[in-house]
């Protein structure tokens, strides 16, 4: 069994909380009826941080998979890793397909299920699993690349991936015309994979960390300011909320390094948190799978007589708590653990 790395457990716990918070707050952020209210501004201020949940998951996976020896042989890696994604993916596609069909009176047939399952899934949050599946396919070859890279070369490789995936699309938005001299070389999330590996493997000195923190703060401020300035009572477009702009990469890297540094410098003080964080970290995948279903059920039961902030707090607490309880229960039953987690 792999030895637990406390700061990665802390990051995974933070990541799943941010994902649930994102989906909980999203309906308020894009609702023009809430525009200008204190609750809307609060959600907008949080938006630049909650978008980092999935990037952190990619970075954690990148470090764990590229840092060891398990990805060195493609066939063995695929036999071990792919079923752990494909089996739950297939089962949850069926669950969400039937749930959506019951709720919205849509087609329950196999062709409709397969059409959705082969197009990023039957629920909006499954896109992450499909991208992760693609990264798993690339992982043995990324492993061979990073093993021969210095830190500077790894940073250059991440930059090459980000240029057509994140930088040039941003330039296109700024100049209001298409700037695409290069096709995307790899999915932009591959850069998160590589950055997680590098930032977890190599330490930064104090000056470089400060520079990175400043870049992360600037990234957050730019995303928040642009999204706020773009909103109006008629429309809330959120142009920098996709999680794949260069600003999100800067903020995610800063947060990753800050949590790692905190645990390295304050490990003795934080040690009592290691066990509960490890336990919660192992429940994160189950929470990710089930929380949209729980969120939908909770939404239909709460709201009457509550202010917007009370509604968000109650819905968040119930969704996270019920999802956690489900994940814990499923993890105790071997067949459910294999099929659902």
Foldseek 3Di string as FASTA:
>chain_A
DDDDDQLLLVLLLVLLLLQLLCVLCVVLQWDLVNPPPPSNLVSLLCLLVSLLSLLSVLLSVLQVLLVDCLLQDPVSLCVPPVLLLVQQLVVLLLVLLVVCCVVVVDDNDPVVSVVQSVVQGSDPLSVSSVLVSVCSNCRNVVSVVVVPDDLVRLVVVLVVQLVQQAVQVVVCVVVVHHDHPDDRPGHNSVSSSSLSNSLVPDDDDPVVLVVLLVLLVVLSVVQSVVQSVPDDSVGRPSPPNPCSHPSNVSNSSSVSNVSVVCCVVCVVVCVVVRVVSVVQSQLSQQLSSCLVVQLVVVLVVDDPPDDPVRRSVVSSVRSSVVSSVVSVVLCVDVVSSSNND
